[in-house]
Amino acid sequence: MIVEAAPDYAIDILLIWQYIGEIIGAFIGAPTSNMSLLKPILECVPDDKSKQLFQFIMQYATEFS
């Protein structure tokens, strides 16, 4: 899963958490969203980045809804 490898990619891709948030936010903001997807994804994210990722997800979910 890309979320598990994201901390390694964050060195080279500075906005990786924003990009992942955009992708997940699009799924969450869709008419047939499934919020149960968030828990296993956020469990894979380091604690210091989970709040930031959640903010990006909610930002893009509201844009797409």
PDB file of N, CA and C in Angstrom:
ATOM      1  N   MET A   1       0.847  -1.173   0.000  1.00  0.00           N
ATOM      2  CA  MET A   1       0.000   0.000   0.000  1.00  0.00           C
ATOM      3  C   MET A   1       0.896   1.240   0.000  1.00  0.00           C
ATOM      4  N   ILE A   2       0.554   2.200  -0.807  1.00  0.00           N
ATOM      5  CA  ILE A   2       1.363   3.409  -0.957  1.00  0.00           C
ATOM      6  C   ILE A   2       1.439   4.215   0.331  1.00  0.00           C
ATOM      7  N   VAL A   3       0.393   4.173   1.141  1.00  0.00           N
ATOM      8  CA  VAL A   3       0.386   4.953   2.380  1.00  0.00           C
ATOM      9  C   VAL A   3       1.472   4.456   3.332  1.00  0.00           C
ATOM     10  N   GLU A   4       1.727   3.163   3.331  1.00  0.00           N
ATOM     11  CA  GLU A   4       2.765   2.617   4.200  1.00  0.00           C
ATOM     12  C   GLU A   4       4.154   3.065   3.769  1.00  0.00           C
ATOM     13  N   ALA A   5       4.363   3.265   2.480  1.00  0.00           N
ATOM     14  CA  ALA A   5       5.665   3.685   1.965  1.00  0.00           C
ATOM     15  C   ALA A   5       5.806   5.198   1.882  1.00  0.00           C
ATOM     16  N   ALA A   6       4.747   5.926   2.128  1.00  0.00           N
ATOM     17  CA  ALA A   6       4.754   7.385   1.973  1.00  0.00           C
ATOM     18  C   ALA A   6       5.824   8.094   2.795  1.00  0.00           C
ATOM     19  N   PRO A   7       6.100   7.701   4.035  1.00  0.00           N
ATOM     20  CA  PRO A   7       7.163   8.409   4.764  1.00  0.00           C
ATOM     21  C   PRO A   7       8.511   8.366   4.041  1.00  0.00           C
ATOM     22  N   ASP A   8       8.793   7.264   3.360  1.00  0.00           N
ATOM     23  CA  ASP A   8      10.035   7.180   2.590  1.00  0.00           C
ATOM     24  C   ASP A   8       9.990   8.093   1.369  1.00  0.00           C
ATOM     25  N   TYR A   9       8.830   8.168   0.731  1.00  0.00           N
ATOM     26  CA  TYR A   9       8.686   9.019  -0.447  1.00  0.00           C
ATOM     27  C   TYR A   9       8.639  10.500  -0.088  1.00  0.00           C
ATOM     28  N   ALA A  10       8.273  10.817   1.142  1.00  0.00           N
ATOM     29  CA  ALA A  10       8.125  12.219   1.558  1.00  0.00           C
ATOM     30  C   ALA A  10       9.435  12.988   1.456  1.00  0.00           C
ATOM     31  N   ILE A  11      10.539  12.292   1.485  1.00  0.00           N
ATOM     32  CA  ILE A  11      11.841  12.941   1.339  1.00  0.00           C
ATOM     33  C   ILE A  11      11.974  13.538  -0.055  1.00  0.00           C
ATOM     34  N   ASP A  12      11.526  12.804  -1.066  1.00  0.00           N
ATOM     35  CA  ASP A  12      11.639  13.256  -2.452  1.00  0.00           C
ATOM     36  C   ASP A  12      10.398  13.990  -2.944  1.00  0.00           C
ATOM     37  N   ILE A  13       9.244  13.627  -2.433  1.00  0.00           N
ATOM     38  CA  ILE A  13       7.977  14.228  -2.868  1.00  0.00           C
ATOM     39  C   ILE A  13       7.410  14.992  -1.676  1.00  0.00           C
ATOM     40  N   LEU A  14       7.684  16.275  -1.627  1.00  0.00           N
ATOM     41  CA  LEU A  14       7.341  17.073  -0.446  1.00  0.00           C
ATOM     42  C   LEU A  14       5.845  17.162  -0.181  1.00  0.00           C
ATOM     43  N   LEU A  15       5.026  17.124  -1.209  1.00  0.00           N
ATOM     44  CA  LEU A  15       3.576  17.266  -1.046  1.00  0.00           C
ATOM     45  C   LEU A  15       2.847  15.924  -1.097  1.00  0.00           C
ATOM     46  N   ILE A  16       3.520  14.855  -0.747  1.00  0.00           N
ATOM     47  CA  ILE A  16       2.911  13.527  -0.880  1.00  0.00           C
ATOM     48  C   ILE A  16       1.648  13.381  -0.045  1.00  0.00           C
ATOM     49  N   TRP A  17       1.609  13.967   1.164  1.00  0.00           N
ATOM     50  CA  TRP A  17       0.419  13.835   2.004  1.00  0.00           C
ATOM     51  C   TRP A  17      -0.755  14.584   1.388  1.00  0.00           C
ATOM     52  N   GLN A  18      -0.473  15.693   0.736  1.00  0.00           N
ATOM     53  CA  GLN A  18      -1.538  16.429   0.045  1.00  0.00           C
ATOM     54  C   GLN A  18      -2.050  15.620  -1.140  1.00  0.00           C
ATOM     55  N   TYR A  19      -1.149  15.022  -1.900  1.00  0.00           N
ATOM     56  CA  TYR A  19      -1.555  14.228  -3.063  1.00  0.00           C
ATOM     57  C   TYR A  19      -2.391  13.019  -2.647  1.00  0.00           C
ATOM     58  N   ILE A  20      -1.961  12.340  -1.598  1.00  0.00           N
ATOM     59  CA  ILE A  20      -2.730  11.196  -1.108  1.00  0.00           C
ATOM     60  C   ILE A  20      -4.086  11.665  -0.596  1.00  0.00           C
ATOM     61  N   GLY A  21      -4.110  12.808   0.080  1.00  0.00           N
ATOM     62  CA  GLY A  21      -5.371  13.374   0.562  1.00  0.00           C
ATOM     63  C   GLY A  21      -6.326  13.711  -0.567  1.00  0.00           C
ATOM     64  N   GLU A  22      -5.791  14.202  -1.686  1.00  0.00           N
ATOM     65  CA  GLU A  22      -6.631  14.501  -2.849  1.00  0.00           C
ATOM     66  C   GLU A  22      -7.283  13.234  -3.391  1.00  0.00           C
ATOM     67  N   ILE A  23      -6.508  12.189  -3.497  1.00  0.00           N
ATOM     68  CA  ILE A  23      -7.028  10.929  -4.048  1.00  0.00           C
ATOM     69  C   ILE A  23      -8.088  10.333  -3.123  1.00  0.00           C
ATOM     70  N   ILE A  24      -7.769  10.236  -1.842  1.00  0.00           N
ATOM     71  CA  ILE A  24      -8.719   9.656  -0.888  1.00  0.00           C
ATOM     72  C   ILE A  24      -9.934  10.559  -0.730  1.00  0.00           C
ATOM     73  N   GLY A  25      -9.717  11.872  -0.724  1.00  0.00           N
ATOM     74  CA  GLY A  25     -10.820  12.824  -0.607  1.00  0.00           C
ATOM     75  C   GLY A  25     -11.807  12.699  -1.744  1.00  0.00           C
ATOM     76  N   ALA A  26     -11.311  12.407  -2.942  1.00  0.00           N
ATOM     77  CA  ALA A  26     -12.203  12.214  -4.085  1.00  0.00           C
ATOM     78  C   ALA A  26     -13.105  10.997  -3.869  1.00  0.00           C
ATOM     79  N   PHE A  27     -12.558   9.937  -3.291  1.00  0.00           N
ATOM     80  CA  PHE A  27     -13.370   8.752  -3.009  1.00  0.00           C
ATOM     81  C   PHE A  27     -14.384   9.024  -1.903  1.00  0.00           C
ATOM     82  N   ILE A  28     -13.953   9.713  -0.861  1.00  0.00           N
ATOM     83  CA  ILE A  28     -14.833   9.998   0.267  1.00  0.00           C
ATOM     84  C   ILE A  28     -15.929  10.977  -0.134  1.00  0.00           C
ATOM     85  N   GLY A  29     -15.610  11.919  -1.004  1.00  0.00           N
ATOM     86  CA  GLY A  29     -16.588  12.919  -1.433  1.00  0.00           C
ATOM     87  C   GLY A  29     -17.533  12.435  -2.509  1.00  0.00           C
ATOM     88  N   ALA A  30     -17.313  11.245  -3.032  1.00  0.00           N
ATOM     89  CA  ALA A  30     -18.174  10.698  -4.082  1.00  0.00           C
ATOM     90  C   ALA A  30     -19.562  10.388  -3.523  1.00  0.00           C
ATOM     91  N   PRO A  31     -20.562  10.345  -4.397  1.00  0.00           N
ATOM     92  CA  PRO A  31     -21.935  10.068  -3.938  1.00  0.00           C
ATOM     93  C   PRO A  31     -22.072   8.739  -3.187  1.00  0.00           C
ATOM     94  N   THR A  32     -21.278   7.769  -3.533  1.00  0.00           N
ATOM     95  CA  THR A  32     -21.347   6.470  -2.852  1.00  0.00           C
ATOM     96  C   THR A  32     -20.094   6.269  -2.004  1.00  0.00           C
ATOM     97  N   SER A  33     -19.814   7.218  -1.137  1.00  0.00           N
ATOM     98  CA  SER A  33     -18.589   7.152  -0.345  1.00  0.00           C
ATOM     99  C   SER A  33     -18.681   6.076   0.731  1.00  0.00           C
ATOM    100  N   ASN A  34     -17.528   5.618   1.133  1.00  0.00           N
ATOM    101  CA  ASN A  34     -17.441   4.601   2.168  1.00  0.00           C
ATOM    102  C   ASN A  34     -16.440   5.081   3.217  1.00  0.00           C
ATOM    103  N   MET A  35     -16.952   5.636   4.304  1.00  0.00           N
ATOM    104  CA  MET A  35     -16.095   6.200   5.342  1.00  0.00           C
ATOM    105  C   MET A  35     -15.279   5.135   6.075  1.00  0.00           C
ATOM    106  N   SER A  36     -15.674   3.879   5.963  1.00  0.00           N
ATOM    107  CA  SER A  36     -14.923   2.825   6.641  1.00  0.00           C
ATOM    108  C   SER A  36     -13.531   2.641   6.029  1.00  0.00           C
ATOM    109  N   LEU A  37     -13.301   3.238   4.864  1.00  0.00           N
ATOM    110  CA  LEU A  37     -11.977   3.174   4.248  1.00  0.00           C
ATOM    111  C   LEU A  37     -10.941   3.972   5.032  1.00  0.00           C
ATOM    112  N   LEU A  38     -11.385   4.994   5.746  1.00  0.00           N
ATOM    113  CA  LEU A  38     -10.448   5.890   6.414  1.00  0.00           C
ATOM    114  C   LEU A  38      -9.668   5.231   7.546  1.00  0.00           C
ATOM    115  N   LYS A  39     -10.316   4.411   8.334  1.00  0.00           N
ATOM    116  CA  LYS A  39      -9.657   3.839   9.511  1.00  0.00           C
ATOM    117  C   LYS A  39      -8.414   3.021   9.153  1.00  0.00           C
ATOM    118  N   PRO A  40      -8.506   2.041   8.250  1.00  0.00           N
ATOM    119  CA  PRO A  40      -7.291   1.272   7.942  1.00  0.00           C
ATOM    120  C   PRO A  40      -6.211   2.108   7.263  1.00  0.00           C
ATOM    121  N   ILE A  41      -6.621   3.123   6.515  1.00  0.00           N
ATOM    122  CA  ILE A  41      -5.628   3.982   5.865  1.00  0.00           C
ATOM    123  C   ILE A  41      -4.895   4.812   6.903  1.00  0.00           C
ATOM    124  N   LEU A  42      -5.649   5.451   7.794  1.00  0.00           N
ATOM    125  CA  LEU A  42      -5.021   6.314   8.799  1.00  0.00           C
ATOM    126  C   LEU A  42      -4.196   5.522   9.814  1.00  0.00           C
ATOM    127  N   GLU A  43      -4.502   4.252   9.991  1.00  0.00           N
ATOM    128  CA  GLU A  43      -3.700   3.417  10.885  1.00  0.00           C
ATOM    129  C   GLU A  43      -2.295   3.190  10.332  1.00  0.00           C
ATOM    130  N   CYS A  44      -2.138   3.287   9.022  1.00  0.00           N
ATOM    131  CA  CYS A  44      -0.835   3.083   8.384  1.00  0.00           C
ATOM    132  C   CYS A  44       0.008   4.352   8.348  1.00  0.00           C
ATOM    133  N   VAL A  45      -0.588   5.472   8.671  1.00  0.00           N
ATOM    134  CA  VAL A  45       0.093   6.765   8.579  1.00  0.00           C
ATOM    135  C   VAL A  45       0.786   7.061   9.910  1.00  0.00           C
ATOM    136  N   PRO A  46       2.013   7.581   9.852  1.00  0.00           N
ATOM    137  CA  PRO A  46       2.687   7.959  11.103  1.00  0.00           C
ATOM    138  C   PRO A  46       1.863   8.979  11.887  1.00  0.00           C
ATOM    139  N   ASP A  47       1.931   8.898  13.203  1.00  0.00           N
ATOM    140  CA  ASP A  47       1.124   9.769  14.066  1.00  0.00           C
ATOM    141  C   ASP A  47       1.333  11.249  13.782  1.00  0.00           C
ATOM    142  N   ASP A  48       2.555  11.634  13.475  1.00  0.00           N
ATOM    143  CA  ASP A  48       2.830  13.051  13.250  1.00  0.00           C
ATOM    144  C   ASP A  48       2.286  13.564  11.918  1.00  0.00           C
ATOM    145  N   LYS A  49       1.843  12.674  11.042  1.00  0.00           N
ATOM    146  CA  LYS A  49       1.306  13.081   9.739  1.00  0.00           C
ATOM    147  C   LYS A  49      -0.181  12.792   9.580  1.00  0.00           C
ATOM    148  N   SER A  50      -0.770  12.031  10.489  1.00  0.00           N
ATOM    149  CA  SER A  50      -2.171  11.630  10.323  1.00  0.00           C
ATOM    150  C   SER A  50      -3.131  12.817  10.377  1.00  0.00           C
ATOM    151  N   LYS A  51      -2.872  13.777  11.245  1.00  0.00           N
ATOM    152  CA  LYS A  51      -3.740  14.960  11.323  1.00  0.00           C
ATOM    153  C   LYS A  51      -3.683  15.746  10.019  1.00  0.00           C
ATOM    154  N   GLN A  52      -2.484  15.924   9.500  1.00  0.00           N
ATOM    155  CA  GLN A  52      -2.310  16.655   8.242  1.00  0.00           C
ATOM    156  C   GLN A  52      -3.028  15.932   7.102  1.00  0.00           C
ATOM    157  N   LEU A  53      -2.859  14.621   7.010  1.00  0.00           N
ATOM    158  CA  LEU A  53      -3.516  13.854   5.955  1.00  0.00           C
ATOM    159  C   LEU A  53      -5.029  13.930   6.094  1.00  0.00           C
ATOM    160  N   PHE A  54      -5.539  13.801   7.314  1.00  0.00           N
ATOM    161  CA  PHE A  54      -6.982  13.868   7.533  1.00  0.00           C
ATOM    162  C   PHE A  54      -7.535  15.225   7.098  1.00  0.00           C
ATOM    163  N   GLN A  55      -6.807  16.299   7.370  1.00  0.00           N
ATOM    164  CA  GLN A  55      -7.243  17.632   6.941  1.00  0.00           C
ATOM    165  C   GLN A  55      -7.315  17.723   5.422  1.00  0.00           C
ATOM    166  N   PHE A  56      -6.319  17.179   4.735  1.00  0.00           N
ATOM    167  CA  PHE A  56      -6.342  17.187   3.272  1.00  0.00           C
ATOM    168  C   PHE A  56      -7.507  16.351   2.736  1.00  0.00           C
ATOM    169  N   ILE A  57      -7.744  15.200   3.350  1.00  0.00           N
ATOM    170  CA  ILE A  57      -8.846  14.335   2.911  1.00  0.00           C
ATOM    171  C   ILE A  57     -10.174  15.068   3.034  1.00  0.00           C
ATOM    172  N   MET A  58     -10.411  15.684   4.181  1.00  0.00           N
ATOM    173  CA  MET A  58     -11.678  16.397   4.397  1.00  0.00           C
ATOM    174  C   MET A  58     -11.804  17.613   3.481  1.00  0.00           C
ATOM    175  N   GLN A  59     -10.704  18.299   3.248  1.00  0.00           N
ATOM    176  CA  GLN A  59     -10.726  19.459   2.353  1.00  0.00           C
ATOM    177  C   GLN A  59     -11.174  19.051   0.954  1.00  0.00           C
ATOM    178  N   TYR A  60     -10.569  17.999   0.424  1.00  0.00           N
ATOM    179  CA  TYR A  60     -10.912  17.577  -0.932  1.00  0.00           C
ATOM    180  C   TYR A  60     -12.241  16.832  -0.989  1.00  0.00           C
ATOM    181  N   ALA A  61     -12.619  16.172   0.085  1.00  0.00           N
ATOM    182  CA  ALA A  61     -13.925  15.498   0.105  1.00  0.00           C
ATOM    183  C   ALA A  61     -15.046  16.524   0.014  1.00  0.00           C
ATOM    184  N   THR A  62     -14.894  17.659   0.698  1.00  0.00           N
ATOM    185  CA  THR A  62     -15.932  18.693   0.624  1.00  0.00           C
ATOM    186  C   THR A  62     -15.956  19.357  -0.742  1.00  0.00           C
ATOM    187  N   GLU A  63     -14.811  19.457  -1.394  1.00  0.00           N
ATOM    188  CA  GLU A  63     -14.777  20.030  -2.744  1.00  0.00           C
ATOM    189  C   GLU A  63     -15.473  19.122  -3.755  1.00  0.00           C
ATOM    190  N   PHE A  64     -15.312  17.807  -3.589  1.00  0.00           N
ATOM    191  CA  PHE A  64     -15.872  16.865  -4.554  1.00  0.00           C
ATOM    192  C   PHE A  64     -17.318  16.494  -4.260  1.00  0.00           C
ATOM    193  N   SER A  65     -17.801  16.807  -3.065  1.00  0.00           N
ATOM    194  CA  SER A  65     -19.175  16.411  -2.728  1.00  0.00           C
ATOM    195  C   SER A  65     -20.187  17.423  -3.218  1.00  0.00           C
TER     196      SER A  65
END
